[in-house]
PDB file of N, CA and C in Angstrom:
ATOM      1  N   MET A   1     234.452 198.732 101.156  1.00  0.00           N
ATOM      2  CA  MET A   1     234.922 199.175  99.852  1.00  0.00           C
ATOM      3  C   MET A   1     234.730 200.692  99.769  1.00  0.00           C
ATOM      4  N   ASN A   2     235.782 201.400  99.323  1.00  0.00           N
ATOM      5  CA  ASN A   2     235.648 202.850  99.215  1.00  0.00           C
ATOM      6  C   ASN A   2     234.875 203.231  97.956  1.00  0.00           C
ATOM      7  N   ARG A   3     234.530 204.497  97.866  1.00  0.00           N
ATOM      8  CA  ARG A   3     233.675 204.979  96.773  1.00  0.00           C
ATOM      9  C   ARG A   3     234.304 204.767  95.397  1.00  0.00           C
ATOM     10  N   ALA A   4     235.607 205.019  95.273  1.00  0.00           N
ATOM     11  CA  ALA A   4     236.282 204.862  93.975  1.00  0.00           C
ATOM     12  C   ALA A   4     236.272 203.401  93.535  1.00  0.00           C
ATOM     13  N   ALA A   5     236.507 202.495  94.463  1.00  0.00           N
ATOM     14  CA  ALA A   5     236.494 201.065  94.128  1.00  0.00           C
ATOM     15  C   ALA A   5     235.089 200.613  93.748  1.00  0.00           C
ATOM     16  N   ALA A   6     234.098 201.118  94.465  1.00  0.00           N
ATOM     17  CA  ALA A   6     232.704 200.775  94.148  1.00  0.00           C
ATOM     18  C   ALA A   6     232.321 201.302  92.773  1.00  0.00           C
ATOM     19  N   GLU A   7     232.761 202.503  92.452  1.00  0.00           N
ATOM     20  CA  GLU A   7     232.483 203.085  91.137  1.00  0.00           C
ATOM     21  C   GLU A   7     233.125 202.252  90.032  1.00  0.00           C
ATOM     22  N   LEU A   8     234.357 201.834  90.240  1.00  0.00           N
ATOM     23  CA  LEU A   8     235.057 201.002  89.264  1.00  0.00           C
ATOM     24  C   LEU A   8     234.352 199.657  89.078  1.00  0.00           C
ATOM     25  N   ARG A   9     233.946 199.035  90.177  1.00  0.00           N
ATOM     26  CA  ARG A   9     233.227 197.765  90.094  1.00  0.00           C
ATOM     27  C   ARG A   9     231.905 197.944  89.354  1.00  0.00           C
ATOM     28  N   GLY A  10     231.216 199.047  89.612  1.00  0.00           N
ATOM     29  CA  GLY A  10     229.953 199.317  88.929  1.00  0.00           C
ATOM     30  C   GLY A  10     230.128 199.506  87.431  1.00  0.00           C
ATOM     31  N   ARG A  11     231.143 200.233  87.041  1.00  0.00           N
ATOM     32  CA  ARG A  11     231.398 200.439  85.604  1.00  0.00           C
ATOM     33  C   ARG A  11     231.770 199.127  84.899  1.00  0.00           C
ATOM     34  N   ARG A  12     232.577 198.312  85.561  1.00  0.00           N
ATOM     35  CA  ARG A  12     232.921 197.006  84.990  1.00  0.00           C
ATOM     36  C   ARG A  12     231.673 196.143  84.831  1.00  0.00           C
ATOM     37  N   ALA A  13     230.823 196.163  85.846  1.00  0.00           N
ATOM     38  CA  ALA A  13     229.586 195.376  85.790  1.00  0.00           C
ATOM     39  C   ALA A  13     228.694 195.859  84.652  1.00  0.00           C
ATOM     40  N   GLU A  14     228.614 197.157  84.449  1.00  0.00           N
ATOM     41  CA  GLU A  14     227.802 197.695  83.354  1.00  0.00           C
ATOM     42  C   GLU A  14     228.357 197.274  81.997  1.00  0.00           C
ATOM     43  N   ARG A  15     229.679 197.268  81.851  1.00  0.00           N
ATOM     44  CA  ARG A  15     230.283 196.801  80.590  1.00  0.00           C
ATOM     45  C   ARG A  15     229.973 195.330  80.362  1.00  0.00           C
ATOM     46  N   LEU A  16     230.136 194.529  81.404  1.00  0.00           N
ATOM     47  CA  LEU A  16     229.844 193.097  81.300  1.00  0.00           C
ATOM     48  C   LEU A  16     228.365 192.877  80.962  1.00  0.00           C
ATOM     49  N   ALA A  17     227.484 193.598  81.618  1.00  0.00           N
ATOM     50  CA  ALA A  17     226.047 193.477  81.340  1.00  0.00           C
ATOM     51  C   ALA A  17     225.748 193.864  79.896  1.00  0.00           C
ATOM     52  N   GLY A  18     226.391 194.913  79.412  1.00  0.00           N
ATOM     53  CA  GLY A  18     226.199 195.335  78.024  1.00  0.00           C
ATOM     54  C   GLY A  18     226.606 194.248  77.046  1.00  0.00           C
ATOM     55  N   TRP A  19     227.740 193.617  77.287  1.00  0.00           N
ATOM     56  CA  TRP A  19     228.181 192.531  76.399  1.00  0.00           C
ATOM     57  C   TRP A  19     227.252 191.334  76.502  1.00  0.00           C
ATOM     58  N   TRP A  20     226.797 191.031  77.696  1.00  0.00           N
ATOM     59  CA  TRP A  20     225.858 189.923  77.895  1.00  0.00           C
ATOM     60  C   TRP A  20     224.582 190.164  77.080  1.00  0.00           C
ATOM     61  N   LEU A  21     224.075 191.376  77.166  1.00  0.00           N
ATOM     62  CA  LEU A  21     222.860 191.713  76.414  1.00  0.00           C
ATOM     63  C   LEU A  21     223.101 191.612  74.908  1.00  0.00           C
ATOM     64  N   ARG A  22     224.240 192.101  74.443  1.00  0.00           N
ATOM     65  CA  ARG A  22     224.555 192.010  73.008  1.00  0.00           C
ATOM     66  C   ARG A  22     224.573 190.556  72.548  1.00  0.00           C
ATOM     67  N   LEU A  23     225.147 189.682  73.363  1.00  0.00           N
ATOM     68  CA  LEU A  23     225.177 188.260  73.016  1.00  0.00           C
ATOM     69  C   LEU A  23     223.772 187.665  72.942  1.00  0.00           C
ATOM     70  N   LYS A  24     222.824 188.272  73.632  1.00  0.00           N
ATOM     71  CA  LYS A  24     221.439 187.810  73.641  1.00  0.00           C
ATOM     72  C   LYS A  24     220.582 188.533  72.600  1.00  0.00           C
ATOM     73  N   GLY A  25     221.226 189.310  71.730  1.00  0.00           N
ATOM     74  CA  GLY A  25     220.501 189.954  70.639  1.00  0.00           C
ATOM     75  C   GLY A  25     220.003 191.368  70.905  1.00  0.00           C
ATOM     76  N   TRP A  26     220.400 191.952  72.013  1.00  0.00           N
ATOM     77  CA  TRP A  26     219.998 193.317  72.333  1.00  0.00           C
ATOM     78  C   TRP A  26     221.011 194.300  71.755  1.00  0.00           C
ATOM     79  N   ARG A  27     220.569 195.507  71.507  1.00  0.00           N
ATOM     80  CA  ARG A  27     221.438 196.602  71.077  1.00  0.00           C
ATOM     81  C   ARG A  27     221.419 197.652  72.181  1.00  0.00           C
ATOM     82  N   ILE A  28     222.572 198.045  72.668  1.00  0.00           N
ATOM     83  CA  ILE A  28     222.660 199.063  73.717  1.00  0.00           C
ATOM     84  C   ILE A  28     222.480 200.427  73.059  1.00  0.00           C
ATOM     85  N   ILE A  29     221.487 201.165  73.516  1.00  0.00           N
ATOM     86  CA  ILE A  29     221.201 202.477  72.914  1.00  0.00           C
ATOM     87  C   ILE A  29     221.389 203.620  73.902  1.00  0.00           C
ATOM     88  N   GLY A  30     221.711 203.306  75.143  1.00  0.00           N
ATOM     89  CA  GLY A  30     221.971 204.342  76.136  1.00  0.00           C
ATOM     90  C   GLY A  30     222.713 203.761  77.326  1.00  0.00           C
ATOM     91  N   GLN A  31     223.578 204.583  77.921  1.00  0.00           N
ATOM     92  CA  GLN A  31     224.350 204.153  79.086  1.00  0.00           C
ATOM     93  C   GLN A  31     224.461 205.288  80.082  1.00  0.00           C
ATOM     94  N   ARG A  32     224.370 204.937  81.352  1.00  0.00           N
ATOM     95  CA  ARG A  32     224.585 205.882  82.462  1.00  0.00           C
ATOM     96  C   ARG A  32     223.822 207.190  82.258  1.00  0.00           C
ATOM     97  N   LEU A  33     222.529 207.081  82.214  1.00  0.00           N
ATOM     98  CA  LEU A  33     221.683 208.240  81.955  1.00  0.00           C
ATOM     99  C   LEU A  33     221.083 208.758  83.266  1.00  0.00           C
ATOM    100  N   ARG A  34     221.344 210.013  83.550  1.00  0.00           N
ATOM    101  CA  ARG A  34     220.835 210.623  84.778  1.00  0.00           C
ATOM    102  C   ARG A  34     219.706 211.593  84.459  1.00  0.00           C
ATOM    103  N   THR A  35     218.713 211.574  85.313  1.00  0.00           N
ATOM    104  CA  THR A  35     217.618 212.540  85.221  1.00  0.00           C
ATOM    105  C   THR A  35     217.452 213.160  86.604  1.00  0.00           C
ATOM    106  N   HIS A  36     216.536 214.104  86.712  1.00  0.00           N
ATOM    107  CA  HIS A  36     216.288 214.734  88.008  1.00  0.00           C
ATOM    108  C   HIS A  36     215.597 213.793  88.999  1.00  0.00           C
ATOM    109  N   VAL A  37     215.065 212.661  88.538  1.00  0.00           N
ATOM    110  CA  VAL A  37     214.345 211.744  89.424  1.00  0.00           C
ATOM    111  C   VAL A  37     215.084 210.417  89.654  1.00  0.00           C
ATOM    112  N   GLY A  38     216.164 210.185  88.939  1.00  0.00           N
ATOM    113  CA  GLY A  38     216.903 208.939  89.098  1.00  0.00           C
ATOM    114  C   GLY A  38     217.793 208.695  87.903  1.00  0.00           C
ATOM    115  N   GLU A  39     218.389 207.532  87.871  1.00  0.00           N
ATOM    116  CA  GLU A  39     219.274 207.213  86.750  1.00  0.00           C
ATOM    117  C   GLU A  39     219.027 205.793  86.270  1.00  0.00           C
ATOM    118  N   VAL A  40     219.446 205.565  85.039  1.00  0.00           N
ATOM    119  CA  VAL A  40     219.337 204.256  84.402  1.00  0.00           C
ATOM    120  C   VAL A  40     220.739 203.868  83.947  1.00  0.00           C
ATOM    121  N   ASP A  41     221.134 202.653  84.267  1.00  0.00           N
ATOM    122  CA  ASP A  41     222.480 202.208  83.889  1.00  0.00           C
ATOM    123  C   ASP A  41     222.589 201.915  82.395  1.00  0.00           C
ATOM    124  N   LEU A  42     221.634 201.166  81.855  1.00  0.00           N
ATOM    125  CA  LEU A  42     221.649 200.806  80.435  1.00  0.00           C
ATOM    126  C   LEU A  42     220.246 200.917  79.859  1.00  0.00           C
ATOM    127  N   VAL A  43     220.186 201.288  78.591  1.00  0.00           N
ATOM    128  CA  VAL A  43     218.947 201.213  77.826  1.00  0.00           C
ATOM    129  C   VAL A  43     219.258 200.315  76.632  1.00  0.00           C
ATOM    130  N   ALA A  44     218.421 199.307  76.432  1.00  0.00           N
ATOM    131  CA  ALA A  44     218.676 198.350  75.358  1.00  0.00           C
ATOM    132  C   ALA A  44     217.410 198.130  74.543  1.00  0.00           C
ATOM    133  N   ARG A  45     217.626 197.807  73.264  1.00  0.00           N
ATOM    134  CA  ARG A  45     216.515 197.532  72.351  1.00  0.00           C
ATOM    135  C   ARG A  45     216.719 196.165  71.715  1.00  0.00           C
ATOM    136  N   ARG A  46     215.616 195.442  71.627  1.00  0.00           N
ATOM    137  CA  ARG A  46     215.577 194.206  70.843  1.00  0.00           C
ATOM    138  C   ARG A  46     214.210 194.179  70.183  1.00  0.00           C
ATOM    139  N   GLY A  47     214.212 194.394  68.870  1.00  0.00           N
ATOM    140  CA  GLY A  47     212.942 194.489  68.149  1.00  0.00           C
ATOM    141  C   GLY A  47     212.144 195.679  68.635  1.00  0.00           C
ATOM    142  N   LYS A  48     210.918 195.435  69.061  1.00  0.00           N
ATOM    143  CA  LYS A  48     210.041 196.510  69.546  1.00  0.00           C
ATOM    144  C   LYS A  48     210.065 196.645  71.067  1.00  0.00           C
ATOM    145  N   MET A  49     211.023 195.980  71.711  1.00  0.00           N
ATOM    146  CA  MET A  49     211.139 196.049  73.169  1.00  0.00           C
ATOM    147  C   MET A  49     212.269 196.984  73.567  1.00  0.00           C
ATOM    148  N   ILE A  50     211.962 197.904  74.465  1.00  0.00           N
ATOM    149  CA  ILE A  50     212.964 198.781  75.064  1.00  0.00           C
ATOM    150  C   ILE A  50     213.058 198.396  76.533  1.00  0.00           C
ATOM    151  N   ALA A  51     214.268 198.109  77.002  1.00  0.00           N
ATOM    152  CA  ALA A  51     214.481 197.772  78.407  1.00  0.00           C
ATOM    153  C   ALA A  51     215.356 198.842  79.049  1.00  0.00           C
ATOM    154  N   PHE A  52     214.864 199.386  80.153  1.00  0.00           N
ATOM    155  CA  PHE A  52     215.640 200.280  80.999  1.00  0.00           C
ATOM    156  C   PHE A  52     216.198 199.390  82.107  1.00  0.00           C
ATOM    157  N   ILE A  53     217.532 199.342  82.214  1.00  0.00           N
ATOM    158  CA  ILE A  53     218.173 198.281  82.992  1.00  0.00           C
ATOM    159  C   ILE A  53     219.009 198.847  84.131  1.00  0.00           C
ATOM    160  N   GLU A  54     218.765 198.307  85.306  1.00  0.00           N
ATOM    161  CA  GLU A  54     219.575 198.572  86.490  1.00  0.00           C
ATOM    162  C   GLU A  54     220.567 197.422  86.623  1.00  0.00           C
ATOM    163  N   VAL A  55     221.850 197.754  86.752  1.00  0.00           N
ATOM    164  CA  VAL A  55     222.896 196.740  86.900  1.00  0.00           C
ATOM    165  C   VAL A  55     223.420 196.821  88.324  1.00  0.00           C
ATOM    166  N   LYS A  56     223.478 195.671  88.980  1.00  0.00           N
ATOM    167  CA  LYS A  56     224.004 195.617  90.350  1.00  0.00           C
ATOM    168  C   LYS A  56     225.099 194.566  90.414  1.00  0.00           C
ATOM    169  N   ALA A  57     226.240 194.938  90.972  1.00  0.00           N
ATOM    170  CA  ALA A  57     227.356 194.012  91.172  1.00  0.00           C
ATOM    171  C   ALA A  57     227.580 193.867  92.669  1.00  0.00           C
ATOM    172  N   ARG A  58     227.836 192.649  93.087  1.00  0.00           N
ATOM    173  CA  ARG A  58     228.141 192.368  94.478  1.00  0.00           C
ATOM    174  C   ARG A  58     229.333 191.431  94.547  1.00  0.00           C
ATOM    175  N   GLY A  59     229.984 191.408  95.696  1.00  0.00           N
ATOM    176  CA  GLY A  59     231.184 190.610  95.873  1.00  0.00           C
ATOM    177  C   GLY A  59     230.957 189.122  95.936  1.00  0.00           C
ATOM    178  N   ASN A  60     229.707 188.727  96.254  1.00  0.00           N
ATOM    179  CA  ASN A  60     229.394 187.293  96.287  1.00  0.00           C
ATOM    180  C   ASN A  60     227.911 187.094  95.998  1.00  0.00           C
ATOM    181  N   VAL A  61     227.563 185.857  95.719  1.00  0.00           N
ATOM    182  CA  VAL A  61     226.198 185.518  95.318  1.00  0.00           C
ATOM    183  C   VAL A  61     225.196 185.818  96.430  1.00  0.00           C
ATOM    184  N   ALA A  62     225.567 185.581  97.676  1.00  0.00           N
ATOM    185  CA  ALA A  62     224.643 185.799  98.792  1.00  0.00           C
ATOM    186  C   ALA A  62     224.184 187.254  98.861  1.00  0.00           C
ATOM    187  N   GLU A  63     225.057 188.184  98.534  1.00  0.00           N
ATOM    188  CA  GLU A  63     224.710 189.605  98.603  1.00  0.00           C
ATOM    189  C   GLU A  63     223.756 190.031  97.491  1.00  0.00           C
ATOM    190  N   LEU A  64     223.663 189.249  96.406  1.00  0.00           N
ATOM    191  CA  LEU A  64     222.783 189.621  95.296  1.00  0.00           C
ATOM    192  C   LEU A  64     221.324 189.682  95.707  1.00  0.00           C
ATOM    193  N   ALA A  65     220.925 188.857  96.669  1.00  0.00           N
ATOM    194  CA  ALA A  65     219.527 188.837  97.108  1.00  0.00           C
ATOM    195  C   ALA A  65     219.099 190.185  97.684  1.00  0.00           C
ATOM    196  N   PHE A  66     220.058 190.971  98.165  1.00  0.00           N
ATOM    197  CA  PHE A  66     219.753 192.256  98.782  1.00  0.00           C
ATOM    198  C   PHE A  66     220.176 193.444  97.919  1.00  0.00           C
ATOM    199  N   ALA A  67     220.569 193.181  96.682  1.00  0.00           N
ATOM    200  CA  ALA A  67     221.128 194.232  95.822  1.00  0.00           C
ATOM    201  C   ALA A  67     220.078 195.181  95.283  1.00  0.00           C
ATOM    202  N   ILE A  68     218.858 194.736  95.179  1.00  0.00           N
ATOM    203  CA  ILE A  68     217.824 195.558  94.561  1.00  0.00           C
ATOM    204  C   ILE A  68     216.606 195.595  95.480  1.00  0.00           C
ATOM    205  N   ASP A  69     215.987 196.758  95.564  1.00  0.00           N
ATOM    206  CA  ASP A  69     214.808 196.898  96.418  1.00  0.00           C
ATOM    207  C   ASP A  69     213.786 197.798  95.735  1.00  0.00           C
ATOM    208  N   GLU A  70     212.639 197.934  96.350  1.00  0.00           N
ATOM    209  CA  GLU A  70     211.560 198.716  95.753  1.00  0.00           C
ATOM    210  C   GLU A  70     211.945 200.182  95.568  1.00  0.00           C
ATOM    211  N   PHE A  71     212.679 200.734  96.517  1.00  0.00           N
ATOM    212  CA  PHE A  71     213.106 202.132  96.412  1.00  0.00           C
ATOM    213  C   PHE A  71     213.949 202.338  95.155  1.00  0.00           C
ATOM    214  N   ARG A  72     214.922 201.468  94.939  1.00  0.00           N
ATOM    215  CA  ARG A  72     215.799 201.573  93.768  1.00  0.00           C
ATOM    216  C   ARG A  72     214.997 201.397  92.482  1.00  0.00           C
ATOM    217  N   LEU A  73     214.127 200.401  92.462  1.00  0.00           N
ATOM    218  CA  LEU A  73     213.320 200.169  91.258  1.00  0.00           C
ATOM    219  C   LEU A  73     212.390 201.343  90.965  1.00  0.00           C
ATOM    220  N   ARG A  74     211.851 201.953  91.993  1.00  0.00           N
ATOM    221  CA  ARG A  74     210.975 203.115  91.795  1.00  0.00           C
ATOM    222  C   ARG A  74     211.747 204.254  91.140  1.00  0.00           C
ATOM    223  N   ARG A  75     212.980 204.465  91.563  1.00  0.00           N
ATOM    224  CA  ARG A  75     213.813 205.528  90.960  1.00  0.00           C
ATOM    225  C   ARG A  75     214.147 205.214  89.506  1.00  0.00           C
ATOM    226  N   VAL A  76     214.459 203.957  89.210  1.00  0.00           N
ATOM    227  CA  VAL A  76     214.741 203.560  87.829  1.00  0.00           C
ATOM    228  C   VAL A  76     213.494 203.747  86.977  1.00  0.00           C
ATOM    229  N   ALA A  77     212.341 203.349  87.507  1.00  0.00           N
ATOM    230  CA  ALA A  77     211.085 203.494  86.757  1.00  0.00           C
ATOM    231  C   ALA A  77     210.767 204.959  86.501  1.00  0.00           C
ATOM    232  N   ALA A  78     211.000 205.815  87.492  1.00  0.00           N
ATOM    233  CA  ALA A  78     210.760 207.252  87.311  1.00  0.00           C
ATOM    234  C   ALA A  78     211.691 207.823  86.245  1.00  0.00           C
ATOM    235  N   ALA A  79     212.956 207.423  86.282  1.00  0.00           N
ATOM    236  CA  ALA A  79     213.910 207.879  85.267  1.00  0.00           C
ATOM    237  C   ALA A  79     213.522 207.352  83.888  1.00  0.00           C
ATOM    238  N   ALA A  80     213.074 206.105  83.829  1.00  0.00           N
ATOM    239  CA  ALA A  80     212.651 205.519  82.546  1.00  0.00           C
ATOM    240  C   ALA A  80     211.477 206.295  81.971  1.00  0.00           C
ATOM    241  N   GLU A  81     210.560 206.720  82.824  1.00  0.00           N
ATOM    242  CA  GLU A  81     209.414 207.499  82.348  1.00  0.00           C
ATOM    243  C   GLU A  81     209.863 208.814  81.722  1.00  0.00           C
ATOM    244  N   VAL A  82     210.864 209.441  82.316  1.00  0.00           N
ATOM    245  CA  VAL A  82     211.406 210.690  81.769  1.00  0.00           C
ATOM    246  C   VAL A  82     212.145 210.428  80.460  1.00  0.00           C
ATOM    247  N   LEU A  83     212.877 209.318  80.388  1.00  0.00           N
ATOM    248  CA  LEU A  83     213.722 209.019  79.228  1.00  0.00           C
ATOM    249  C   LEU A  83     212.986 208.341  78.079  1.00  0.00           C
ATOM    250  N   ALA A  84     211.855 207.734  78.349  1.00  0.00           N
ATOM    251  CA  ALA A  84     211.148 206.953  77.323  1.00  0.00           C
ATOM    252  C   ALA A  84     210.906 207.729  76.025  1.00  0.00           C
ATOM    253  N   PRO A  85     210.462 208.979  76.074  1.00  0.00           N
ATOM    254  CA  PRO A  85     210.234 209.678  74.801  1.00  0.00           C
ATOM    255  C   PRO A  85     211.499 209.812  73.942  1.00  0.00           C
ATOM    256  N   ARG A  86     212.645 209.792  74.576  1.00  0.00           N
ATOM    257  CA  ARG A  86     213.919 209.908  73.860  1.00  0.00           C
ATOM    258  C   ARG A  86     214.276 208.612  73.115  1.00  0.00           C
ATOM    259  N   PHE A  87     213.850 207.460  73.634  1.00  0.00           N
ATOM    260  CA  PHE A  87     214.274 206.178  73.086  1.00  0.00           C
ATOM    261  C   PHE A  87     213.165 205.364  72.419  1.00  0.00           C
ATOM    262  N   ALA A  88     211.961 205.487  72.902  1.00  0.00           N
ATOM    263  CA  ALA A  88     210.872 204.639  72.404  1.00  0.00           C
ATOM    264  C   ALA A  88     210.230 205.234  71.164  1.00  0.00           C
ATOM    265  N   ARG A  89     209.788 204.340  70.306  1.00  0.00           N
ATOM    266  CA  ARG A  89     209.046 204.715  69.104  1.00  0.00           C
ATOM    267  C   ARG A  89     207.599 204.284  69.291  1.00  0.00           C
ATOM    268  N   PRO A  90     206.702 204.822  68.483  1.00  0.00           N
ATOM    269  CA  PRO A  90     205.312 204.371  68.574  1.00  0.00           C
ATOM    270  C   PRO A  90     205.230 202.851  68.389  1.00  0.00           C
ATOM    271  N   GLY A  91     204.475 202.195  69.256  1.00  0.00           N
ATOM    272  CA  GLY A  91     204.310 200.757  69.179  1.00  0.00           C
ATOM    273  C   GLY A  91     205.322 199.947  69.961  1.00  0.00           C
ATOM    274  N   ASP A  92     206.335 200.593  70.518  1.00  0.00           N
ATOM    275  CA  ASP A  92     207.319 199.872  71.329  1.00  0.00           C
ATOM    276  C   ASP A  92     206.731 199.476  72.676  1.00  0.00           C
ATOM    277  N   ASP A  93     207.204 198.370  73.193  1.00  0.00           N
ATOM    278  CA  ASP A  93     206.912 197.972  74.564  1.00  0.00           C
ATOM    279  C   ASP A  93     208.092 198.397  75.419  1.00  0.00           C
ATOM    280  N   ILE A  94     207.805 198.785  76.658  1.00  0.00           N
ATOM    281  CA  ILE A  94     208.838 199.269  77.564  1.00  0.00           C
ATOM    282  C   ILE A  94     208.776 198.465  78.846  1.00  0.00           C
ATOM    283  N   ARG A  95     209.956 198.122  79.371  1.00  0.00           N
ATOM    284  CA  ARG A  95     209.987 197.409  80.646  1.00  0.00           C
ATOM    285  C   ARG A  95     211.237 197.808  81.440  1.00  0.00           C
ATOM    286  N   ILE A  96     211.218 197.459  82.712  1.00  0.00           N
ATOM    287  CA  ILE A  96     212.353 197.674  83.604  1.00  0.00           C
ATOM    288  C   ILE A  96     212.961 196.307  83.896  1.00  0.00           C
ATOM    289  N   ASP A  97     214.270 196.172  83.654  1.00  0.00           N
ATOM    290  CA  ASP A  97     214.995 194.928  83.902  1.00  0.00           C
ATOM    291  C   ASP A  97     216.107 195.187  84.910  1.00  0.00           C
ATOM    292  N   VAL A  98     216.618 194.115  85.490  1.00  0.00           N
ATOM    293  CA  VAL A  98     217.773 194.162  86.385  1.00  0.00           C
ATOM    294  C   VAL A  98     218.752 193.097  85.928  1.00  0.00           C
ATOM    295  N   ILE A  99     220.026 193.437  85.945  1.00  0.00           N
ATOM    296  CA  ILE A  99     221.074 192.440  85.708  1.00  0.00           C
ATOM    297  C   ILE A  99     221.954 192.417  86.953  1.00  0.00           C
ATOM    298  N   LEU A 100     222.075 191.225  87.534  1.00  0.00           N
ATOM    299  CA  LEU A 100     222.870 191.025  88.741  1.00  0.00           C
ATOM    300  C   LEU A 100     224.175 190.338  88.370  1.00  0.00           C
ATOM    301  N   ILE A 101     225.283 190.864  88.915  1.00  0.00           N
ATOM    302  CA  ILE A 101     226.618 190.374  88.585  1.00  0.00           C
ATOM    303  C   ILE A 101     227.333 190.002  89.886  1.00  0.00           C
ATOM    304  N   ALA A 102     227.902 188.805  89.923  1.00  0.00           N
ATOM    305  CA  ALA A 102     228.747 188.371  91.044  1.00  0.00           C
ATOM    306  C   ALA A 102     229.903 187.552  90.469  1.00  0.00           C
ATOM    307  N   PRO A 103     231.047 187.578  91.125  1.00  0.00           N
ATOM    308  CA  PRO A 103     232.205 186.830  90.629  1.00  0.00           C
ATOM    309  C   PRO A 103     231.892 185.345  90.487  1.00  0.00           C
ATOM    310  N   GLY A 104     232.397 184.760  89.411  1.00  0.00           N
ATOM    311  CA  GLY A 104     232.265 183.330  89.210  1.00  0.00           C
ATOM    312  C   GLY A 104     230.906 182.858  88.743  1.00  0.00           C
ATOM    313  N   ARG A 105     230.047 183.774  88.331  1.00  0.00           N
ATOM    314  CA  ARG A 105     228.693 183.436  87.869  1.00  0.00           C
ATOM    315  C   ARG A 105     228.400 184.148  86.565  1.00  0.00           C
ATOM    316  N   TRP A 106     227.528 183.544  85.771  1.00  0.00           N
ATOM    317  CA  TRP A 106     227.012 184.243  84.607  1.00  0.00           C
ATOM    318  C   TRP A 106     226.113 185.369  85.099  1.00  0.00           C
ATOM    319  N   PRO A 107     226.015 186.459  84.357  1.00  0.00           N
ATOM    320  CA  PRO A 107     225.070 187.519  84.743  1.00  0.00           C
ATOM    321  C   PRO A 107     223.650 186.957  84.828  1.00  0.00           C
ATOM    322  N   GLN A 108     222.912 187.448  85.793  1.00  0.00           N
ATOM    323  CA  GLN A 108     221.524 187.027  85.970  1.00  0.00           C
ATOM    324  C   GLN A 108     220.631 188.171  85.494  1.00  0.00           C
ATOM    325  N   HIS A 109     219.874 187.921  84.425  1.00  0.00           N
ATOM    326  CA  HIS A 109     219.006 188.940  83.825  1.00  0.00           C
ATOM    327  C   HIS A 109     217.566 188.707  84.278  1.00  0.00           C
ATOM    328  N   LEU A 110     217.052 189.639  85.049  1.00  0.00           N
ATOM    329  CA  LEU A 110     215.672 189.588  85.526  1.00  0.00           C
ATOM    330  C   LEU A 110     214.849 190.547  84.682  1.00  0.00           C
ATOM    331  N   ALA A 111     213.937 190.009  83.923  1.00  0.00           N
ATOM    332  CA  ALA A 111     213.156 190.819  82.976  1.00  0.00           C
ATOM    333  C   ALA A 111     211.849 191.293  83.610  1.00  0.00           C
ATOM    334  N   ASN A 112     211.469 192.533  83.264  1.00  0.00           N
ATOM    335  CA  ASN A 112     210.177 193.082  83.630  1.00  0.00           C
ATOM    336  C   ASN A 112     209.912 193.001  85.126  1.00  0.00           C
ATOM    337  N   VAL A 113     210.811 193.599  85.911  1.00  0.00           N
ATOM    338  CA  VAL A 113     210.742 193.488  87.367  1.00  0.00           C
ATOM    339  C   VAL A 113     209.856 194.537  88.038  1.00  0.00           C
ATOM    340  N   TRP A 114     209.450 195.566  87.295  1.00  0.00           N
ATOM    341  CA  TRP A 114     208.652 196.644  87.897  1.00  0.00           C
ATOM    342  C   TRP A 114     207.247 196.642  87.324  1.00  0.00           C
ATOM    343  N   HIS A 115     206.281 196.605  88.202  1.00  0.00           N
ATOM    344  CA  HIS A 115     204.878 196.626  87.793  1.00  0.00           C
ATOM    345  C   HIS A 115     204.143 197.717  88.546  1.00  0.00           C
ATOM    346  N   GLY A 116     204.772 198.882  88.663  1.00  0.00           N
ATOM    347  CA  GLY A 116     204.231 199.951  89.488  1.00  0.00           C
ATOM    348  C   GLY A 116     203.239 200.826  88.842  1.00  0.00           C
TER     349      GLY A 116
END
């Protein structure tokens, strides 16, 4: 897959993940946020919980097992640390989540995946 096609697939996956989260009661408060240490695809709030979310799309379910790794999560966590003051309020809980997207499946939301 070329870079433009991968970018398009990623943006579609982020839109789908955003709608999935909204259906689950989350409010999207940030999208595609880049920092000097990494980027976050989505930032969502539900009550006092703020989730910094990495979205990964793959062409099939088998590839999802390899879509996320410690290196990627470390970058998301570093970016979340930089962005947290912008989104979090006193008393909020913060976590790192992943949403995995593959054709023919419901999005898979993995909550609180980083404990670094």
